[in-house]
């Protein structure tokens, strides 16, 4: 008697091969996605570093601007004080 073309043993082997193929595809997909995640993580790390540099630069520029504004305000205060002294002196001279 001839052995049937589709035996139980052949079905088990075919099932194992199918599982093996699916596992291979899954592993390949997983590796591809992990590689993409790695690339994205590297990009995000680089962009985060650039953002951090930009924030530090912005902070420094703002601090510099505030320092200049404070210095200008102090300079104007001194000028106003001088003008008040001059006016006071003139008023006192007129009053004498």
PDB file of N, CA and C in Angstrom:
ATOM      1  N   UNK A   1       0.820  -1.180   0.000  1.00  0.00           N
ATOM      2  CA  UNK A   1       0.000   0.000   0.000  1.00  0.00           C
ATOM      3  C   UNK A   1       0.866   1.246   0.000  1.00  0.00           C
ATOM      4  N   UNK A   2       0.474   2.209  -0.771  1.00  0.00           N
ATOM      5  CA  UNK A   2       1.237   3.452  -0.861  1.00  0.00           C
ATOM      6  C   UNK A   2       0.864   4.361   0.304  1.00  0.00           C
ATOM      7  N   UNK A   3       1.880   5.033   0.771  1.00  0.00           N
ATOM      8  CA  UNK A   3       1.666   5.953   1.896  1.00  0.00           C
ATOM      9  C   UNK A   3       0.897   7.168   1.383  1.00  0.00           C
ATOM     10  N   UNK A   4      -0.069   7.669   2.170  1.00  0.00           N
ATOM     11  CA  UNK A   4      -0.828   8.833   1.709  1.00  0.00           C
ATOM     12  C   UNK A   4       0.093  10.045   1.564  1.00  0.00           C
ATOM     13  N   UNK A   5      -0.290  10.923   0.652  1.00  0.00           N
ATOM     14  CA  UNK A   5       0.522  12.107   0.383  1.00  0.00           C
ATOM     15  C   UNK A   5       0.558  13.045   1.596  1.00  0.00           C
ATOM     16  N   UNK A   6      -0.504  13.099   2.345  1.00  0.00           N
ATOM     17  CA  UNK A   6      -0.576  14.002   3.486  1.00  0.00           C
ATOM     18  C   UNK A   6      -0.733  13.170   4.742  1.00  0.00           C
ATOM     19  N   UNK A   7       0.369  12.822   5.323  1.00  0.00           N
ATOM     20  CA  UNK A   7       0.325  11.998   6.532  1.00  0.00           C
ATOM     21  C   UNK A   7       0.377  12.893   7.757  1.00  0.00           C
ATOM     22  N   UNK A   8       0.104  12.305   8.900  1.00  0.00           N
ATOM     23  CA  UNK A   8       0.136  13.023  10.170  1.00  0.00           C
ATOM     24  C   UNK A   8       1.542  13.559  10.432  1.00  0.00           C
ATOM     25  N   UNK A   9       2.541  12.754  10.098  1.00  0.00           N
ATOM     26  CA  UNK A   9       3.938  13.149  10.288  1.00  0.00           C
ATOM     27  C   UNK A   9       4.279  14.353   9.411  1.00  0.00           C
ATOM     28  N   UNK A  10       3.831  14.316   8.152  1.00  0.00           N
ATOM     29  CA  UNK A  10       4.058  15.448   7.247  1.00  0.00           C
ATOM     30  C   UNK A  10       3.343  16.708   7.745  1.00  0.00           C
ATOM     31  N   UNK A  11       2.166  16.532   8.320  1.00  0.00           N
ATOM     32  CA  UNK A  11       1.406  17.664   8.848  1.00  0.00           C
ATOM     33  C   UNK A  11       2.152  18.295  10.016  1.00  0.00           C
ATOM     34  N   UNK A  12       2.751  17.481  10.876  1.00  0.00           N
ATOM     35  CA  UNK A  12       3.512  18.001  12.022  1.00  0.00           C
ATOM     36  C   UNK A  12       4.722  18.772  11.529  1.00  0.00           C
ATOM     37  N   UNK A  13       5.424  18.212  10.551  1.00  0.00           N
ATOM     38  CA  UNK A  13       6.597  18.891   9.999  1.00  0.00           C
ATOM     39  C   UNK A  13       6.177  20.203   9.346  1.00  0.00           C
ATOM     40  N   UNK A  14       5.087  20.171   8.578  1.00  0.00           N
ATOM     41  CA  UNK A  14       4.597  21.390   7.930  1.00  0.00           C
ATOM     42  C   UNK A  14       4.201  22.427   8.971  1.00  0.00           C
ATOM     43  N   UNK A  15       3.573  21.993  10.046  1.00  0.00           N
ATOM     44  CA  UNK A  15       3.188  22.901  11.132  1.00  0.00           C
ATOM     45  C   UNK A  15       4.413  23.507  11.792  1.00  0.00           C
ATOM     46  N   UNK A  16       5.433  22.686  12.010  1.00  0.00           N
ATOM     47  CA  UNK A  16       6.666  23.179  12.619  1.00  0.00           C
ATOM     48  C   UNK A  16       7.373  24.164  11.688  1.00  0.00           C
ATOM     49  N   UNK A  17       7.367  23.852  10.399  1.00  0.00           N
ATOM     50  CA  UNK A  17       7.973  24.764   9.425  1.00  0.00           C
ATOM     51  C   UNK A  17       7.221  26.094   9.387  1.00  0.00           C
ATOM     52  N   UNK A  18       5.898  26.023   9.440  1.00  0.00           N
ATOM     53  CA  UNK A  18       5.087  27.241   9.432  1.00  0.00           C
ATOM     54  C   UNK A  18       5.381  28.077  10.675  1.00  0.00           C
ATOM     55  N   UNK A  19       5.467  27.411  11.817  1.00  0.00           N
ATOM     56  CA  UNK A  19       5.786  28.119  13.061  1.00  0.00           C
ATOM     57  C   UNK A  19       7.176  28.732  12.966  1.00  0.00           C
ATOM     58  N   UNK A  20       8.108  27.970  12.416  1.00  0.00           N
ATOM     59  CA  UNK A  20       9.473  28.466  12.269  1.00  0.00           C
ATOM     60  C   UNK A  20       9.515  29.684  11.348  1.00  0.00           C
ATOM     61  N   UNK A  21       8.772  29.626  10.240  1.00  0.00           N
ATOM     62  CA  UNK A  21       8.708  30.764   9.321  1.00  0.00           C
ATOM     63  C   UNK A  21       8.084  31.984   9.992  1.00  0.00           C
ATOM     64  N   UNK A  22       7.001  31.744  10.733  1.00  0.00           N
ATOM     65  CA  UNK A  22       6.360  32.857  11.439  1.00  0.00           C
ATOM     66  C   UNK A  22       7.299  33.452  12.486  1.00  0.00           C
ATOM     67  N   UNK A  23       8.013  32.593  13.185  1.00  0.00           N
ATOM     68  CA  UNK A  23       8.970  33.053  14.188  1.00  0.00           C
ATOM     69  C   UNK A  23      10.088  33.861  13.529  1.00  0.00           C
ATOM     70  N   UNK A  24      10.570  33.379  12.389  1.00  0.00           N
ATOM     71  CA  UNK A  24      11.609  34.116  11.659  1.00  0.00           C
ATOM     72  C   UNK A  24      11.102  35.496  11.236  1.00  0.00           C
ATOM     73  N   UNK A  25       9.875  35.541  10.714  1.00  0.00           N
ATOM     74  CA  UNK A  25       9.297  36.822  10.307  1.00  0.00           C
ATOM     75  C   UNK A  25       9.108  37.742  11.506  1.00  0.00           C
ATOM     76  N   UNK A  26       8.642  37.166  12.612  1.00  0.00           N
ATOM     77  CA  UNK A  26       8.464  37.952  13.828  1.00  0.00           C
ATOM     78  C   UNK A  26       9.800  38.513  14.304  1.00  0.00           C
ATOM     79  N   UNK A  27      10.835  37.670  14.314  1.00  0.00           N
ATOM     80  CA  UNK A  27      12.158  38.116  14.747  1.00  0.00           C
ATOM     81  C   UNK A  27      12.686  39.223  13.838  1.00  0.00           C
ATOM     82  N   UNK A  28      12.487  39.065  12.538  1.00  0.00           N
ATOM     83  CA  UNK A  28      12.944  40.083  11.593  1.00  0.00           C
ATOM     84  C   UNK A  28      12.190  41.396  11.806  1.00  0.00           C
ATOM     85  N   UNK A  29      10.874  41.288  11.966  1.00  0.00           N
ATOM     86  CA  UNK A  29      10.064  42.476  12.226  1.00  0.00           C
ATOM     87  C   UNK A  29      10.499  43.140  13.526  1.00  0.00           C
ATOM     88  N   UNK A  30      10.714  42.325  14.555  1.00  0.00           N
ATOM     89  CA  UNK A  30      11.148  42.838  15.854  1.00  0.00           C
ATOM     90  C   UNK A  30      12.494  43.546  15.730  1.00  0.00           C
ATOM     91  N   UNK A  31      13.438  42.922  15.025  1.00  0.00           N
ATOM     92  CA  UNK A  31      14.762  43.525  14.839  1.00  0.00           C
ATOM     93  C   UNK A  31      14.663  44.842  14.067  1.00  0.00           C
ATOM     94  N   UNK A  32      13.827  44.861  13.030  1.00  0.00           N
ATOM     95  CA  UNK A  32      13.639  46.091  12.250  1.00  0.00           C
ATOM     96  C   UNK A  32      13.049  47.209  13.113  1.00  0.00           C
ATOM     97  N   UNK A  33      12.052  46.855  13.909  1.00  0.00           N
ATOM     98  CA  UNK A  33      11.426  47.860  14.769  1.00  0.00           C
ATOM     99  C   UNK A  33      12.386  48.340  15.850  1.00  0.00           C
ATOM    100  N   UNK A  34      13.166  47.429  16.408  1.00  0.00           N
ATOM    101  CA  UNK A  34      14.148  47.825  17.423  1.00  0.00           C
ATOM    102  C   UNK A  34      15.208  48.739  16.809  1.00  0.00           C
ATOM    103  N   UNK A  35      15.608  48.454  15.578  1.00  0.00           N
ATOM    104  CA  UNK A  35      16.576  49.317  14.895  1.00  0.00           C
ATOM    105  C   UNK A  35      15.974  50.703  14.667  1.00  0.00           C
ATOM    106  N   UNK A  36      14.708  50.736  14.251  1.00  0.00           N
ATOM    107  CA  UNK A  36      14.030  52.021  14.036  1.00  0.00           C
ATOM    108  C   UNK A  36      13.898  52.778  15.355  1.00  0.00           C
ATOM    109  N   UNK A  37      13.567  52.069  16.421  1.00  0.00           N
ATOM    110  CA  UNK A  37      13.468  52.700  17.739  1.00  0.00           C
ATOM    111  C   UNK A  37      14.826  53.252  18.148  1.00  0.00           C
ATOM    112  N   UNK A  38      15.878  52.495  17.897  1.00  0.00           N
ATOM    113  CA  UNK A  38      17.231  52.956  18.215  1.00  0.00           C
ATOM    114  C   UNK A  38      17.581  54.227  17.459  1.00  0.00           C
ATOM    115  N   UNK A  39      17.239  54.263  16.176  1.00  0.00           N
ATOM    116  CA  UNK A  39      17.497  55.463  15.368  1.00  0.00           C
ATOM    117  C   UNK A  39      16.684  56.650  15.882  1.00  0.00           C
ATOM    118  N   UNK A  40      15.410  56.392  16.197  1.00  0.00           N
ATOM    119  CA  UNK A  40      14.559  57.464  16.720  1.00  0.00           C
ATOM    120  C   UNK A  40      15.081  57.968  18.059  1.00  0.00           C
ATOM    121  N   UNK A  41      15.536  57.050  18.899  1.00  0.00           N
ATOM    122  CA  UNK A  41      16.080  57.437  20.197  1.00  0.00           C
ATOM    123  C   UNK A  41      17.333  58.285  20.027  1.00  0.00           C
ATOM    124  N   UNK A  42      18.169  57.900  19.088  1.00  0.00           N
ATOM    125  CA  UNK A  42      19.381  58.677  18.813  1.00  0.00           C
ATOM    126  C   UNK A  42      19.017  60.079  18.318  1.00  0.00           C
ATOM    127  N   UNK A  43      18.041  60.153  17.431  1.00  0.00           N
ATOM    128  CA  UNK A  43      17.584  61.447  16.921  1.00  0.00           C
ATOM    129  C   UNK A  43      17.017  62.300  18.047  1.00  0.00           C
ATOM    130  N   UNK A  44      16.173  61.690  18.878  1.00  0.00           N
ATOM    131  CA  UNK A  44      15.586  62.434  19.995  1.00  0.00           C
ATOM    132  C   UNK A  44      16.647  62.905  20.980  1.00  0.00           C
ATOM    133  N   UNK A  45      17.639  62.064  21.233  1.00  0.00           N
ATOM    134  CA  UNK A  45      18.725  62.446  22.137  1.00  0.00           C
ATOM    135  C   UNK A  45      19.473  63.644  21.576  1.00  0.00           C
ATOM    136  N   UNK A  46      19.752  63.608  20.283  1.00  0.00           N
ATOM    137  CA  UNK A  46      20.452  64.724  19.628  1.00  0.00           C
ATOM    138  C   UNK A  46      19.599  65.996  19.688  1.00  0.00           C
ATOM    139  N   UNK A  47      18.312  65.856  19.386  1.00  0.00           N
ATOM    140  CA  UNK A  47      17.426  67.018  19.395  1.00  0.00           C
ATOM    141  C   UNK A  47      17.261  67.573  20.809  1.00  0.00           C
ATOM    142  N   UNK A  48      17.212  66.692  21.800  1.00  0.00           N
ATOM    143  CA  UNK A  48      17.103  67.136  23.190  1.00  0.00           C
ATOM    144  C   UNK A  48      18.346  67.911  23.599  1.00  0.00           C
ATOM    145  N   UNK A  49      19.510  67.438  23.164  1.00  0.00           N
ATOM    146  CA  UNK A  49      20.755  68.152  23.468  1.00  0.00           C
ATOM    147  C   UNK A  49      20.747  69.531  22.820  1.00  0.00           C
ATOM    148  N   UNK A  50      20.297  69.608  21.569  1.00  0.00           N
ATOM    149  CA  UNK A  50      20.214  70.897  20.876  1.00  0.00           C
ATOM    150  C   UNK A  50      19.218  71.830  21.579  1.00  0.00           C
ATOM    151  N   UNK A  51      18.079  71.275  21.985  1.00  0.00           N
ATOM    152  CA  UNK A  51      17.080  72.067  22.696  1.00  0.00           C
ATOM    153  C   UNK A  51      17.658  72.591  24.005  1.00  0.00           C
ATOM    154  N   UNK A  52      18.367  71.743  24.710  1.00  0.00           N
ATOM    155  CA  UNK A  52      18.991  72.146  25.969  1.00  0.00           C
ATOM    156  C   UNK A  52      19.991  73.276  25.747  1.00  0.00           C
ATOM    157  N   UNK A  53      20.797  73.156  24.706  1.00  0.00           N
ATOM    158  CA  UNK A  53      21.746  74.226  24.368  1.00  0.00           C
ATOM    159  C   UNK A  53      21.004  75.525  24.063  1.00  0.00           C
ATOM    160  N   UNK A  54      19.915  75.415  23.320  1.00  0.00           N
ATOM    161  CA  UNK A  54      19.124  76.594  22.975  1.00  0.00           C
ATOM    162  C   UNK A  54      18.509  77.246  24.203  1.00  0.00           C
ATOM    163  N   UNK A  55      18.024  76.430  25.126  1.00  0.00           N
ATOM    164  CA  UNK A  55      17.428  76.965  26.350  1.00  0.00           C
ATOM    165  C   UNK A  55      18.483  77.685  27.182  1.00  0.00           C
ATOM    166  N   UNK A  56      19.675  77.093  27.284  1.00  0.00           N
ATOM    167  CA  UNK A  56      20.765  77.734  28.033  1.00  0.00           C
ATOM    168  C   UNK A  56      21.145  79.060  27.375  1.00  0.00           C
ATOM    169  N   UNK A  57      21.241  79.057  26.047  1.00  0.00           N
ATOM    170  CA  UNK A  57      21.580  80.292  25.330  1.00  0.00           C
ATOM    171  C   UNK A  57      20.503  81.354  25.539  1.00  0.00           C
ATOM    172  N   UNK A  58      19.238  80.943  25.462  1.00  0.00           N
ATOM    173  CA  UNK A  58      18.136  81.874  25.679  1.00  0.00           C
ATOM    174  C   UNK A  58      18.179  82.437  27.095  1.00  0.00           C
ATOM    175  N   UNK A  59      18.439  81.576  28.072  1.00  0.00           N
ATOM    176  CA  UNK A  59      18.542  82.020  29.469  1.00  0.00           C
ATOM    177  C   UNK A  59      19.653  83.055  29.614  1.00  0.00           C
ATOM    178  N   UNK A  60      20.799  82.779  29.009  1.00  0.00           N
ATOM    179  CA  UNK A  60      21.923  83.715  29.088  1.00  0.00           C
ATOM    180  C   UNK A  60      21.590  85.051  28.425  1.00  0.00           C
ATOM    181  N   UNK A  61      20.933  84.987  27.262  1.00  0.00           N
ATOM    182  CA  UNK A  61      20.545  86.219  26.574  1.00  0.00           C
ATOM    183  C   UNK A  61      19.543  87.026  27.395  1.00  0.00           C
ATOM    184  N   UNK A  62      18.588  86.331  27.991  1.00  0.00           N
ATOM    185  CA  UNK A  62      17.601  87.021  28.816  1.00  0.00           C
ATOM    186  C   UNK A  62      18.270  87.646  30.041  1.00  0.00           C
ATOM    187  N   UNK A  63      19.164  86.898  30.680  1.00  0.00           N
ATOM    188  CA  UNK A  63      19.864  87.428  31.848  1.00  0.00           C
ATOM    189  C   UNK A  63      20.685  88.652  31.469  1.00  0.00           C
ATOM    190  N   UNK A  64      21.360  88.566  30.322  1.00  0.00           N
ATOM    191  CA  UNK A  64      22.138  89.699  29.825  1.00  0.00           C
ATOM    192  C   UNK A  64      21.231  90.906  29.587  1.00  0.00           C
ATOM    193  N   UNK A  65      20.074  90.661  28.987  1.00  0.00           N
ATOM    194  CA  UNK A  65      19.113  91.740  28.746  1.00  0.00           C
ATOM    195  C   UNK A  65      18.620  92.361  30.045  1.00  0.00           C
ATOM    196  N   UNK A  66      18.300  91.527  31.034  1.00  0.00           N
ATOM    197  CA  UNK A  66      17.847  92.047  32.327  1.00  0.00           C
ATOM    198  C   UNK A  66      18.954  92.837  33.017  1.00  0.00           C
ATOM    199  N   UNK A  67      20.186  92.346  32.920  1.00  0.00           N
ATOM    200  CA  UNK A  67      21.322  93.067  33.511  1.00  0.00           C
ATOM    201  C   UNK A  67      21.492  94.439  32.860  1.00  0.00           C
ATOM    202  N   UNK A  68      21.349  94.489  31.539  1.00  0.00           N
ATOM    203  CA  UNK A  68      21.474  95.767  30.826  1.00  0.00           C
ATOM    204  C   UNK A  68      20.347  96.722  31.219  1.00  0.00           C
ATOM    205  N   UNK A  69      19.129  96.169  31.332  1.00  0.00           N
ATOM    206  CA  UNK A  69      17.999  97.006  31.735  1.00  0.00           C
ATOM    207  C   UNK A  69      18.219  97.563  33.141  1.00  0.00           C
ATOM    208  N   UNK A  70      18.721  96.738  34.031  1.00  0.00           N
ATOM    209  CA  UNK A  70      18.983  97.188  35.395  1.00  0.00           C
ATOM    210  C   UNK A  70      20.067  98.270  35.404  1.00  0.00           C
ATOM    211  N   UNK A  71      21.129  98.060  34.636  1.00  0.00           N
ATOM    212  CA  UNK A  71      22.208  99.050  34.561  1.00  0.00           C
ATOM    213  C   UNK A  71      21.687 100.366  33.989  1.00  0.00           C
ATOM    214  N   UNK A  72      20.853 100.279  32.957  1.00  0.00           N
ATOM    215  CA  UNK A  72      20.275 101.491  32.356  1.00  0.00           C
ATOM    216  C   UNK A  72      19.371 102.198  33.358  1.00  0.00           C
ATOM    217  N   UNK A  73      18.578 101.440  34.090  1.00  0.00           N
ATOM    218  CA  UNK A  73      17.716 102.028  35.124  1.00  0.00           C
ATOM    219  C   UNK A  73      18.535 102.720  36.201  1.00  0.00           C
ATOM    220  N   UNK A  74      19.628 102.088  36.621  1.00  0.00           N
ATOM    221  CA  UNK A  74      20.503 102.703  37.628  1.00  0.00           C
ATOM    222  C   UNK A  74      21.138 103.984  37.095  1.00  0.00           C
ATOM    223  N   UNK A  75      21.546 103.969  35.831  1.00  0.00           N
ATOM    224  CA  UNK A  75      22.146 105.155  35.207  1.00  0.00           C
ATOM    225  C   UNK A  75      21.129 106.301  35.172  1.00  0.00           C
ATOM    226  N   UNK A  76      19.913 105.995  34.815  1.00  0.00           N
ATOM    227  CA  UNK A  76      18.862 107.027  34.766  1.00  0.00           C
ATOM    228  C   UNK A  76      18.550 107.551  36.168  1.00  0.00           C
ATOM    229  N   UNK A  77      18.541 106.655  37.145  1.00  0.00           N
ATOM    230  CA  UNK A  77      18.307 107.092  38.525  1.00  0.00           C
ATOM    231  C   UNK A  77      19.381 108.085  38.965  1.00  0.00           C
ATOM    232  N   UNK A  78      20.627 107.803  38.629  1.00  0.00           N
ATOM    233  CA  UNK A  78      21.723 108.711  38.981  1.00  0.00           C
ATOM    234  C   UNK A  78      21.558 110.057  38.274  1.00  0.00           C
ATOM    235  N   UNK A  79      21.152 110.023  37.001  1.00  0.00           N
ATOM    236  CA  UNK A  79      20.938 111.275  36.261  1.00  0.00           C
ATOM    237  C   UNK A  79      19.816 112.095  36.892  1.00  0.00           C
ATOM    238  N   UNK A  80      18.736 111.420  37.267  1.00  0.00           N
ATOM    239  CA  UNK A  80      17.617 112.120  37.906  1.00  0.00           C
ATOM    240  C   UNK A  80      18.082 112.726  39.227  1.00  0.00           C
ATOM    241  N   UNK A  81      18.855 111.954  40.003  1.00  0.00           N
ATOM    242  CA  UNK A  81      19.375 112.484  41.273  1.00  0.00           C
ATOM    243  C   UNK A  81      20.243 113.720  41.038  1.00  0.00           C
ATOM    244  N   UNK A  82      21.091 113.689  40.027  1.00  0.00           N
ATOM    245  CA  UNK A  82      21.938 114.845  39.703  1.00  0.00           C
ATOM    246  C   UNK A  82      21.088 116.052  39.314  1.00  0.00           C
ATOM    247  N   UNK A  83      20.087 115.802  38.472  1.00  0.00           N
ATOM    248  CA  UNK A  83      19.207 116.902  38.063  1.00  0.00           C
ATOM    249  C   UNK A  83      18.464 117.493  39.259  1.00  0.00           C
ATOM    250  N   UNK A  84      18.011 116.624  40.157  1.00  0.00           N
ATOM    251  CA  UNK A  84      17.333 117.121  41.354  1.00  0.00           C
ATOM    252  C   UNK A  84      18.277 117.952  42.213  1.00  0.00           C
ATOM    253  N   UNK A  85      19.534 117.512  42.313  1.00  0.00           N
ATOM    254  CA  UNK A  85      20.532 118.286  43.064  1.00  0.00           C
ATOM    255  C   UNK A  85      20.747 119.657  42.425  1.00  0.00           C
ATOM    256  N   UNK A  86      20.831 119.686  41.094  1.00  0.00           N
ATOM    257  CA  UNK A  86      21.014 120.957  40.384  1.00  0.00           C
ATOM    258  C   UNK A  86      19.818 121.868  40.626  1.00  0.00           C
ATOM    259  N   UNK A  87      18.610 121.318  40.500  1.00  0.00           N
ATOM    260  CA  UNK A  87      17.393 122.109  40.711  1.00  0.00           C
ATOM    261  C   UNK A  87      17.348 122.615  42.150  1.00  0.00           C
ATOM    262  N   UNK A  88      17.676 121.764  43.098  1.00  0.00           N
ATOM    263  CA  UNK A  88      17.668 122.161  44.508  1.00  0.00           C
ATOM    264  C   UNK A  88      18.679 123.287  44.758  1.00  0.00           C
ATOM    265  N   UNK A  89      19.853 123.150  44.145  1.00  0.00           N
ATOM    266  CA  UNK A  89      20.874 124.192  44.282  1.00  0.00           C
ATOM    267  C   UNK A  89      20.380 125.503  43.698  1.00  0.00           C
ATOM    268  N   UNK A  90      19.771 125.463  42.535  1.00  0.00           N
ATOM    269  CA  UNK A  90      19.248 126.676  41.897  1.00  0.00           C
ATOM    270  C   UNK A  90      18.147 127.316  42.742  1.00  0.00           C
ATOM    271  N   UNK A  91      17.264 126.489  43.282  1.00  0.00           N
ATOM    272  CA  UNK A  91      16.176 127.004  44.115  1.00  0.00           C
ATOM    273  C   UNK A  91      16.759 127.668  45.358  1.00  0.00           C
ATOM    274  N   UNK A  92      17.754 127.030  45.958  1.00  0.00           N
ATOM    275  CA  UNK A  92      18.385 127.598  47.155  1.00  0.00           C
ATOM    276  C   UNK A  92      19.098 128.905  46.836  1.00  0.00           C
ATOM    277  N   UNK A  93      19.735 128.995  45.674  1.00  0.00           N
ATOM    278  CA  UNK A  93      20.441 130.217  45.277  1.00  0.00           C
ATOM    279  C   UNK A  93      19.458 131.355  45.035  1.00  0.00           C
ATOM    280  N   UNK A  94      18.324 131.050  44.486  1.00  0.00           N
ATOM    281  CA  UNK A  94      17.312 132.079  44.212  1.00  0.00           C
ATOM    282  C   UNK A  94      16.683 132.561  45.508  1.00  0.00           C
ATOM    283  N   UNK A  95      16.585 131.622  46.423  1.00  0.00           N
ATOM    284  CA  UNK A  95      15.945 131.961  47.690  1.00  0.00           C
ATOM    285  C   UNK A  95      16.831 132.790  48.589  1.00  0.00           C
ATOM    286  N   UNK A  96      18.094 132.895  48.312  1.00  0.00           N
ATOM    287  CA  UNK A  96      19.002 133.642  49.183  1.00  0.00           C
ATOM    288  C   UNK A  96      19.051 135.063  48.828  1.00  0.00           C
TER     289      UNK A  96
END
